[in-house]
Amino acid sequence: MSAARGTRRTQWAAGSAVALALLFAGAATVAAARGDTADGKQPQAASAAVRAPATDSADAGFARDMAVHHQQAVEMSFIVRDRTQDEDVRRFAYDIANTQANQRGMLLGWLDLWELPKVAVAGQEPMAWMATHGDHGGRSAGDGHDMAGMDGMAGMGDMTAGSGSGFTAHDGALMPGMATRTELDRLRKADGKQAEILYLQLMTDHHKGGVAMARGCAELCTVKAERRLAQGMVEAQQSELDAMAQMLSARGAEPR
């Protein structure tokens, strides 16, 4: 194995280590927040820290759904790493995998902190929290944050995987923008430029779905830290969408 190839594998291993470290750090944070004082009484600050949103809230729904959404982005990025030798695409994929693995750790850590399930309850559709809370904004009734007035949310109701929407989960694609099992199989079998183009097209769709969902949380979630994370996702992924459009153009292709 060449030194360059060894270095690349070390970088990807380091990315996985970062994600694991974040998960362990999150677990430690949760344990500390739930810990008792020496006299057996929970500190007031810790008690406030674990005051949780409801399991059907926008906060919990976003955390669960975006964790699933992010996991597929990480998976696709690891797939393309082994299907191309193009350093620009490999570096871009590494950045996405590292960032979204870390964010996923934060989202799952919050669910732990709130003592809420990491998976939706039986019968609850992905992204149902957007439709459920869209009419009253999730923060307080009558504060003006309705579904129709959200920045960038026009038409999102047609994409939501809930009852009566235009989006229907199929072939492993649980939410808008997610790749199907068939598309992931195509990516695994592609090589070189073909793999690069397919990855960039799939990730473009993925980011568009993720941006719409993150905008929903930025409007509907009640936890300030989660709203800040969601807004950061919007800004970062919009920038990455521009970068992917340029990378596709350089390869004689365009978004689907």
C-alpha atoms as a PDB file:
ATOM      1  CA  MET A   1       0.000   0.000   0.000  1.00  0.00           C
ATOM      2  CA  SER A   2       1.438   3.380  -1.000  1.00  0.00           C
ATOM      3  CA  ALA A   3       2.167   6.075   1.558  1.00  0.00           C
ATOM      4  CA  ALA A   4      -0.508   8.319   0.022  1.00  0.00           C
ATOM      5  CA  ARG A   5      -3.138   5.598   0.219  1.00  0.00           C
ATOM      6  CA  GLY A   6      -2.119   4.869   3.795  1.00  0.00           C
ATOM      7  CA  THR A   7      -2.475   8.540   4.660  1.00  0.00           C
ATOM      8  CA  ARG A   8      -5.965   8.654   3.157  1.00  0.00           C
ATOM      9  CA  ARG A   9      -7.098   5.628   5.115  1.00  0.00           C
ATOM     10  CA  THR A  10      -5.643   7.185   8.266  1.00  0.00           C
ATOM     11  CA  GLN A  11      -7.659  10.353   7.603  1.00  0.00           C
ATOM     12  CA  TRP A  12     -10.899   8.405   7.217  1.00  0.00           C
ATOM     13  CA  ALA A  13     -10.149   6.375  10.331  1.00  0.00           C
ATOM     14  CA  ALA A  14      -9.556   9.643  12.155  1.00  0.00           C
ATOM     15  CA  GLY A  15     -12.958  10.858  11.032  1.00  0.00           C
ATOM     16  CA  SER A  16     -14.609   7.785  12.495  1.00  0.00           C
ATOM     17  CA  ALA A  17     -12.667   8.281  15.701  1.00  0.00           C
ATOM     18  CA  VAL A  18     -13.923  11.875  15.927  1.00  0.00           C
ATOM     19  CA  ALA A  19     -17.519  10.708  15.596  1.00  0.00           C
ATOM     20  CA  LEU A  20     -17.039   8.044  18.267  1.00  0.00           C
ATOM     21  CA  ALA A  21     -15.358  10.532  20.558  1.00  0.00           C
ATOM     22  CA  LEU A  22     -18.309  12.896  20.185  1.00  0.00           C
ATOM     23  CA  LEU A  23     -20.752  10.120  21.050  1.00  0.00           C
ATOM     24  CA  PHE A  24     -18.764   9.248  24.175  1.00  0.00           C
ATOM     25  CA  ALA A  25     -18.582  12.929  25.076  1.00  0.00           C
ATOM     26  CA  GLY A  26     -22.311  13.225  24.618  1.00  0.00           C
ATOM     27  CA  ALA A  27     -22.875  10.234  26.866  1.00  0.00           C
ATOM     28  CA  ALA A  28     -20.670  11.810  29.511  1.00  0.00           C
ATOM     29  CA  THR A  29     -22.609  15.067  29.244  1.00  0.00           C
ATOM     30  CA  VAL A  30     -25.893  13.227  29.691  1.00  0.00           C
ATOM     31  CA  ALA A  31     -24.549  11.330  32.692  1.00  0.00           C
ATOM     32  CA  ALA A  32     -23.320  14.543  34.271  1.00  0.00           C
ATOM     33  CA  ALA A  33     -26.619  16.298  33.652  1.00  0.00           C
ATOM     34  CA  ARG A  34     -28.513  13.453  35.290  1.00  0.00           C
ATOM     35  CA  GLY A  35     -26.084  13.009  38.163  1.00  0.00           C
ATOM     36  CA  ASP A  36     -27.078  13.479  41.774  1.00  0.00           C
ATOM     37  CA  THR A  37     -25.280  15.595  44.344  1.00  0.00           C
ATOM     38  CA  ALA A  38     -23.548  14.068  47.327  1.00  0.00           C
ATOM     39  CA  ASP A  39     -26.732  14.357  49.406  1.00  0.00           C
ATOM     40  CA  GLY A  40     -28.714  12.476  46.764  1.00  0.00           C
ATOM     41  CA  LYS A  41     -30.597  15.530  45.479  1.00  0.00           C
ATOM     42  CA  GLN A  42     -30.420  16.602  41.874  1.00  0.00           C
ATOM     43  CA  PRO A  43     -28.917  20.104  41.413  1.00  0.00           C
ATOM     44  CA  GLN A  44     -31.306  22.766  40.190  1.00  0.00           C
ATOM     45  CA  ALA A  45     -29.153  23.437  37.097  1.00  0.00           C
ATOM     46  CA  ALA A  46     -29.144  19.762  36.173  1.00  0.00           C
ATOM     47  CA  SER A  47     -32.894  19.587  36.678  1.00  0.00           C
ATOM     48  CA  ALA A  48     -33.385  22.487  34.255  1.00  0.00           C
ATOM     49  CA  ALA A  49     -30.968  20.949  31.774  1.00  0.00           C
ATOM     50  CA  VAL A  50     -33.004  17.770  31.425  1.00  0.00           C
ATOM     51  CA  ARG A  51     -36.389  19.485  31.072  1.00  0.00           C
ATOM     52  CA  ALA A  52     -37.308  17.685  27.881  1.00  0.00           C
ATOM     53  CA  PRO A  53     -39.469  18.488  24.888  1.00  0.00           C
ATOM     54  CA  ALA A  54     -42.365  16.109  24.267  1.00  0.00           C
ATOM     55  CA  THR A  55     -41.700  12.975  22.250  1.00  0.00           C
ATOM     56  CA  ASP A  56     -43.973  14.256  19.453  1.00  0.00           C
ATOM     57  CA  SER A  57     -42.454  17.757  19.460  1.00  0.00           C
ATOM     58  CA  ALA A  58     -40.664  19.358  16.533  1.00  0.00           C
ATOM     59  CA  ASP A  59     -37.442  19.234  18.578  1.00  0.00           C
ATOM     60  CA  ALA A  60     -37.573  15.466  19.060  1.00  0.00           C
ATOM     61  CA  GLY A  61     -38.902  14.787  15.560  1.00  0.00           C
ATOM     62  CA  PHE A  62     -36.143  16.788  13.916  1.00  0.00           C
ATOM     63  CA  ALA A  63     -33.448  15.135  16.030  1.00  0.00           C
ATOM     64  CA  ARG A  64     -34.675  11.656  15.128  1.00  0.00           C
ATOM     65  CA  ASP A  65     -35.272  12.323  11.430  1.00  0.00           C
ATOM     66  CA  MET A  66     -32.111  14.302  10.783  1.00  0.00           C
ATOM     67  CA  ALA A  67     -30.031  11.616  12.507  1.00  0.00           C
ATOM     68  CA  VAL A  68     -31.400   9.103   9.970  1.00  0.00           C
ATOM     69  CA  HIS A  69     -30.908  11.557   7.098  1.00  0.00           C
ATOM     70  CA  HIS A  70     -27.306  12.256   8.141  1.00  0.00           C
ATOM     71  CA  GLN A  71     -26.498   8.569   8.494  1.00  0.00           C
ATOM     72  CA  GLN A  72     -27.183   8.003   4.804  1.00  0.00           C
ATOM     73  CA  ALA A  73     -25.000  10.972   3.818  1.00  0.00           C
ATOM     74  CA  VAL A  74     -22.148   9.421   5.795  1.00  0.00           C
ATOM     75  CA  GLU A  75     -22.778   6.059   4.126  1.00  0.00           C
ATOM     76  CA  MET A  76     -22.740   7.535   0.607  1.00  0.00           C
ATOM     77  CA  SER A  77     -19.537   9.439   1.376  1.00  0.00           C
ATOM     78  CA  PHE A  78     -17.774   6.271   2.491  1.00  0.00           C
ATOM     79  CA  ILE A  79     -18.995   4.471  -0.625  1.00  0.00           C
ATOM     80  CA  VAL A  80     -17.590   7.061  -3.038  1.00  0.00           C
ATOM     81  CA  ARG A  81     -14.280   7.050  -1.181  1.00  0.00           C
ATOM     82  CA  ASP A  82     -13.702   3.518  -2.476  1.00  0.00           C
ATOM     83  CA  ARG A  83     -15.080   4.141  -5.979  1.00  0.00           C
ATOM     84  CA  THR A  84     -12.861   7.029  -7.122  1.00  0.00           C
ATOM     85  CA  GLN A  85      -9.301   8.258  -6.812  1.00  0.00           C
ATOM     86  CA  ASP A  86     -10.226  11.892  -7.457  1.00  0.00           C
ATOM     87  CA  GLU A  87      -8.812  13.816  -4.514  1.00  0.00           C
ATOM     88  CA  ASP A  88     -11.276  16.705  -4.764  1.00  0.00           C
ATOM     89  CA  VAL A  89     -14.293  14.415  -4.498  1.00  0.00           C
ATOM     90  CA  ARG A  90     -12.687  12.283  -1.787  1.00  0.00           C
ATOM     91  CA  ARG A  91     -11.824  15.380   0.258  1.00  0.00           C
ATOM     92  CA  PHE A  92     -15.326  16.801  -0.200  1.00  0.00           C
ATOM     93  CA  ALA A  93     -16.887  13.480   0.803  1.00  0.00           C
ATOM     94  CA  TYR A  94     -14.619  13.295   3.861  1.00  0.00           C
ATOM     95  CA  ASP A  95     -15.756  16.740   5.002  1.00  0.00           C
ATOM     96  CA  ILE A  96     -19.432  15.775   4.646  1.00  0.00           C
ATOM     97  CA  ALA A  97     -18.946  12.455   6.450  1.00  0.00           C
ATOM     98  CA  ASN A  98     -17.014  14.053   9.301  1.00  0.00           C
ATOM     99  CA  THR A  99     -19.421  16.989   9.753  1.00  0.00           C
ATOM    100  CA  GLN A 100     -22.618  14.977   9.546  1.00  0.00           C
ATOM    101  CA  ALA A 101     -21.336  12.169  11.787  1.00  0.00           C
ATOM    102  CA  ASN A 102     -20.529  14.784  14.430  1.00  0.00           C
ATOM    103  CA  GLN A 103     -23.920  16.478  14.072  1.00  0.00           C
ATOM    104  CA  ARG A 104     -25.652  13.110  14.251  1.00  0.00           C
ATOM    105  CA  GLY A 105     -23.875  12.458  17.535  1.00  0.00           C
ATOM    106  CA  MET A 106     -25.193  15.752  18.894  1.00  0.00           C
ATOM    107  CA  LEU A 107     -28.765  14.988  17.836  1.00  0.00           C
ATOM    108  CA  LEU A 108     -28.713  11.518  19.391  1.00  0.00           C
ATOM    109  CA  GLY A 109     -27.063  12.957  22.496  1.00  0.00           C
ATOM    110  CA  TRP A 110     -29.924  15.410  22.922  1.00  0.00           C
ATOM    111  CA  LEU A 111     -32.461  12.600  22.652  1.00  0.00           C
ATOM    112  CA  ASP A 112     -30.532  10.775  25.381  1.00  0.00           C
ATOM    113  CA  LEU A 113     -30.485  13.922  27.500  1.00  0.00           C
ATOM    114  CA  TRP A 114     -34.233  14.342  27.050  1.00  0.00           C
ATOM    115  CA  GLU A 115     -34.792  10.630  27.789  1.00  0.00           C
ATOM    116  CA  LEU A 116     -36.711  10.260  24.526  1.00  0.00           C
ATOM    117  CA  PRO A 117     -36.628   7.329  22.079  1.00  0.00           C
ATOM    118  CA  LYS A 118     -34.192   7.556  19.170  1.00  0.00           C
ATOM    119  CA  VAL A 119     -36.708   5.997  16.800  1.00  0.00           C
ATOM    120  CA  ALA A 120     -40.232   7.142  16.031  1.00  0.00           C
ATOM    121  CA  VAL A 121     -43.080   5.425  17.805  1.00  0.00           C
ATOM    122  CA  ALA A 122     -45.073   2.874  15.833  1.00  0.00           C
ATOM    123  CA  GLY A 123     -47.323   4.505  13.278  1.00  0.00           C
ATOM    124  CA  GLN A 124     -45.535   7.877  13.356  1.00  0.00           C
ATOM    125  CA  GLU A 125     -44.442   8.909   9.864  1.00  0.00           C
ATOM    126  CA  PRO A 126     -41.047  10.519   9.200  1.00  0.00           C
ATOM    127  CA  MET A 127     -41.269  14.325   9.193  1.00  0.00           C
ATOM    128  CA  ALA A 128     -44.798  14.263  10.624  1.00  0.00           C
ATOM    129  CA  TRP A 129     -43.574  16.875  13.138  1.00  0.00           C
ATOM    130  CA  MET A 130     -43.428  19.447  10.325  1.00  0.00           C
ATOM    131  CA  ALA A 131     -47.096  19.034   9.454  1.00  0.00           C
ATOM    132  CA  THR A 132     -48.200  18.650  13.071  1.00  0.00           C
ATOM    133  CA  HIS A 133     -46.512  21.818  14.303  1.00  0.00           C
ATOM    134  CA  GLY A 134     -46.610  23.869  11.119  1.00  0.00           C
ATOM    135  CA  ASP A 135     -49.942  25.519  11.851  1.00  0.00           C
ATOM    136  CA  HIS A 136     -48.884  27.029  15.147  1.00  0.00           C
ATOM    137  CA  GLY A 137     -45.130  27.344  14.822  1.00  0.00           C
ATOM    138  CA  GLY A 138     -44.169  25.060  17.708  1.00  0.00           C
ATOM    139  CA  ARG A 139     -42.994  27.959  19.912  1.00  0.00           C
ATOM    140  CA  SER A 140     -46.216  29.643  20.915  1.00  0.00           C
ATOM    141  CA  ALA A 141     -49.664  29.918  19.431  1.00  0.00           C
ATOM    142  CA  GLY A 142     -50.205  32.994  17.292  1.00  0.00           C
ATOM    143  CA  ASP A 143     -46.538  33.973  16.995  1.00  0.00           C
ATOM    144  CA  GLY A 144     -46.813  34.155  13.217  1.00  0.00           C
ATOM    145  CA  HIS A 145     -44.647  31.122  12.409  1.00  0.00           C
ATOM    146  CA  ASP A 146     -47.065  29.205  10.252  1.00  0.00           C
ATOM    147  CA  MET A 147     -46.169  26.724   7.516  1.00  0.00           C
ATOM    148  CA  ALA A 148     -47.082  29.054   4.682  1.00  0.00           C
ATOM    149  CA  GLY A 149     -44.887  31.841   5.985  1.00  0.00           C
ATOM    150  CA  MET A 150     -41.667  29.887   6.487  1.00  0.00           C
ATOM    151  CA  ASP A 151     -38.685  31.030   4.462  1.00  0.00           C
ATOM    152  CA  GLY A 152     -37.975  28.386   1.866  1.00  0.00           C
ATOM    153  CA  MET A 153     -40.751  26.079   3.050  1.00  0.00           C
ATOM    154  CA  ALA A 154     -43.192  26.706   0.195  1.00  0.00           C
ATOM    155  CA  GLY A 155     -44.424  23.379  -1.104  1.00  0.00           C
ATOM    156  CA  MET A 156     -42.759  21.443   1.670  1.00  0.00           C
ATOM    157  CA  GLY A 157     -46.080  19.947   2.682  1.00  0.00           C
ATOM    158  CA  ASP A 158     -46.067  18.054  -0.611  1.00  0.00           C
ATOM    159  CA  MET A 159     -42.680  16.552   0.265  1.00  0.00           C
ATOM    160  CA  THR A 160     -43.448  15.454   3.785  1.00  0.00           C
ATOM    161  CA  ALA A 161     -43.674  11.698   4.250  1.00  0.00           C
ATOM    162  CA  GLY A 162     -46.865  11.999   6.267  1.00  0.00           C
ATOM    163  CA  SER A 163     -50.427  10.988   5.564  1.00  0.00           C
ATOM    164  CA  GLY A 164     -51.987  12.775   2.609  1.00  0.00           C
ATOM    165  CA  SER A 165     -48.726  14.245   1.322  1.00  0.00           C
ATOM    166  CA  GLY A 166     -47.261  13.967  -2.154  1.00  0.00           C
ATOM    167  CA  PHE A 167     -44.158  12.118  -0.928  1.00  0.00           C
ATOM    168  CA  THR A 168     -44.337   8.383  -0.404  1.00  0.00           C
ATOM    169  CA  ALA A 169     -41.471   6.530   1.266  1.00  0.00           C
ATOM    170  CA  HIS A 170     -40.227   3.792  -1.040  1.00  0.00           C
ATOM    171  CA  ASP A 171     -37.244   1.524  -1.634  1.00  0.00           C
ATOM    172  CA  GLY A 172     -35.530   2.670   1.550  1.00  0.00           C
ATOM    173  CA  ALA A 173     -35.966   6.412   0.900  1.00  0.00           C
ATOM    174  CA  LEU A 174     -37.787   7.477   4.064  1.00  0.00           C
ATOM    175  CA  MET A 175     -37.624  11.234   3.530  1.00  0.00           C
ATOM    176  CA  PRO A 176     -37.304  13.728   0.670  1.00  0.00           C
ATOM    177  CA  GLY A 177     -33.808  13.786  -0.795  1.00  0.00           C
ATOM    178  CA  MET A 178     -32.793  10.387   0.515  1.00  0.00           C
ATOM    179  CA  ALA A 179     -31.346   7.922  -1.990  1.00  0.00           C
ATOM    180  CA  THR A 180     -33.174   4.672  -2.625  1.00  0.00           C
ATOM    181  CA  ARG A 181     -31.608   1.253  -2.126  1.00  0.00           C
ATOM    182  CA  THR A 182     -31.427   0.922  -5.912  1.00  0.00           C
ATOM    183  CA  GLU A 183     -29.517   4.200  -6.204  1.00  0.00           C
ATOM    184  CA  LEU A 184     -27.098   3.179  -3.449  1.00  0.00           C
ATOM    185  CA  ASP A 185     -26.455  -0.102  -5.275  1.00  0.00           C
ATOM    186  CA  ARG A 186     -25.714   1.863  -8.453  1.00  0.00           C
ATOM    187  CA  LEU A 187     -23.233   4.009  -6.535  1.00  0.00           C
ATOM    188  CA  ARG A 188     -21.508   0.924  -5.120  1.00  0.00           C
ATOM    189  CA  LYS A 189     -21.061  -0.476  -8.623  1.00  0.00           C
ATOM    190  CA  ALA A 190     -19.951   2.754 -10.321  1.00  0.00           C
ATOM    191  CA  ASP A 191     -16.303   3.679 -10.828  1.00  0.00           C
ATOM    192  CA  GLY A 192     -14.264   6.801 -11.425  1.00  0.00           C
ATOM    193  CA  LYS A 193     -16.018   9.732 -13.066  1.00  0.00           C
ATOM    194  CA  GLN A 194     -19.340   7.860 -13.166  1.00  0.00           C
ATOM    195  CA  ALA A 195     -19.197   7.356  -9.402  1.00  0.00           C
ATOM    196  CA  GLU A 196     -18.234  10.986  -8.829  1.00  0.00           C
ATOM    197  CA  ILE A 197     -21.155  12.313 -10.860  1.00  0.00           C
ATOM    198  CA  LEU A 198     -23.696   9.956  -9.300  1.00  0.00           C
ATOM    199  CA  TYR A 199     -22.463  10.755  -5.782  1.00  0.00           C
ATOM    200  CA  LEU A 200     -22.656  14.509  -6.405  1.00  0.00           C
ATOM    201  CA  GLN A 201     -26.152  14.199  -7.885  1.00  0.00           C
ATOM    202  CA  LEU A 202     -27.422  12.014  -5.050  1.00  0.00           C
ATOM    203  CA  MET A 203     -25.834  14.271  -2.438  1.00  0.00           C
ATOM    204  CA  THR A 204     -27.337  17.345  -4.093  1.00  0.00           C
ATOM    205  CA  ASP A 205     -30.812  15.828  -3.742  1.00  0.00           C
ATOM    206  CA  HIS A 206     -29.924  14.778  -0.193  1.00  0.00           C
ATOM    207  CA  HIS A 207     -28.831  18.285   0.784  1.00  0.00           C
ATOM    208  CA  LYS A 208     -31.970  19.862  -0.685  1.00  0.00           C
ATOM    209  CA  GLY A 209     -34.139  17.606   1.473  1.00  0.00           C
ATOM    210  CA  GLY A 210     -31.921  18.244   4.491  1.00  0.00           C
ATOM    211  CA  VAL A 211     -32.016  22.025   4.036  1.00  0.00           C
ATOM    212  CA  ALA A 212     -35.821  22.014   3.897  1.00  0.00           C
ATOM    213  CA  MET A 213     -35.999  19.932   7.071  1.00  0.00           C
ATOM    214  CA  ALA A 214     -33.430  22.110   8.873  1.00  0.00           C
ATOM    215  CA  ARG A 215     -35.401  25.237   7.937  1.00  0.00           C
ATOM    216  CA  GLY A 216     -38.422  23.581   9.487  1.00  0.00           C
ATOM    217  CA  CYS A 217     -36.579  23.114  12.789  1.00  0.00           C
ATOM    218  CA  ALA A 218     -35.185  26.646  12.671  1.00  0.00           C
ATOM    219  CA  GLU A 219     -38.795  27.837  12.617  1.00  0.00           C
ATOM    220  CA  LEU A 220     -40.535  25.239  14.764  1.00  0.00           C
ATOM    221  CA  CYS A 221     -38.079  23.891  17.347  1.00  0.00           C
ATOM    222  CA  THR A 222     -38.161  25.377  20.843  1.00  0.00           C
ATOM    223  CA  VAL A 223     -34.658  24.442  22.048  1.00  0.00           C
ATOM    224  CA  LYS A 224     -32.359  27.343  21.185  1.00  0.00           C
ATOM    225  CA  ALA A 225     -29.240  25.211  20.723  1.00  0.00           C
ATOM    226  CA  GLU A 226     -31.088  22.935  18.317  1.00  0.00           C
ATOM    227  CA  ARG A 227     -32.439  25.894  16.337  1.00  0.00           C
ATOM    228  CA  ARG A 228     -28.906  27.270  16.053  1.00  0.00           C
ATOM    229  CA  LEU A 229     -27.619  23.902  14.836  1.00  0.00           C
ATOM    230  CA  ALA A 230     -30.441  23.695  12.281  1.00  0.00           C
ATOM    231  CA  GLN A 231     -29.723  27.183  10.947  1.00  0.00           C
ATOM    232  CA  GLY A 232     -26.040  26.299  10.710  1.00  0.00           C
ATOM    233  CA  MET A 233     -26.984  23.224   8.672  1.00  0.00           C
ATOM    234  CA  VAL A 234     -28.989  25.397   6.282  1.00  0.00           C
ATOM    235  CA  GLU A 235     -26.108  27.784   5.689  1.00  0.00           C
ATOM    236  CA  ALA A 236     -23.405  25.107   5.371  1.00  0.00           C
ATOM    237  CA  GLN A 237     -25.396  22.839   3.087  1.00  0.00           C
ATOM    238  CA  GLN A 238     -26.440  25.732   0.844  1.00  0.00           C
ATOM    239  CA  SER A 239     -22.745  26.490   0.390  1.00  0.00           C
ATOM    240  CA  GLU A 240     -22.044  22.814  -0.352  1.00  0.00           C
ATOM    241  CA  LEU A 241     -24.863  22.769  -2.912  1.00  0.00           C
ATOM    242  CA  ASP A 242     -23.087  25.569  -4.785  1.00  0.00           C
ATOM    243  CA  ALA A 243     -19.801  23.668  -4.613  1.00  0.00           C
ATOM    244  CA  MET A 244     -21.404  20.468  -5.914  1.00  0.00           C
ATOM    245  CA  ALA A 245     -22.996  22.317  -8.824  1.00  0.00           C
ATOM    246  CA  GLN A 246     -19.537  23.554  -9.811  1.00  0.00           C
ATOM    247  CA  MET A 247     -18.002  20.084  -9.438  1.00  0.00           C
ATOM    248  CA  LEU A 248     -20.743  18.571 -11.588  1.00  0.00           C
ATOM    249  CA  SER A 249     -20.276  21.250 -14.235  1.00  0.00           C
ATOM    250  CA  ALA A 250     -16.542  20.516 -14.335  1.00  0.00           C
ATOM    251  CA  ARG A 251     -17.447  16.894 -15.138  1.00  0.00           C
ATOM    252  CA  GLY A 252     -19.888  17.799 -17.874  1.00  0.00           C
ATOM    253  CA  ALA A 253     -22.935  17.029 -15.735  1.00  0.00           C
ATOM    254  CA  GLU A 254     -25.567  18.849 -13.713  1.00  0.00           C
ATOM    255  CA  PRO A 255     -27.941  18.163 -10.803  1.00  0.00           C
ATOM    256  CA  ARG A 256     -30.820  15.835 -11.616  1.00  0.00           C
END
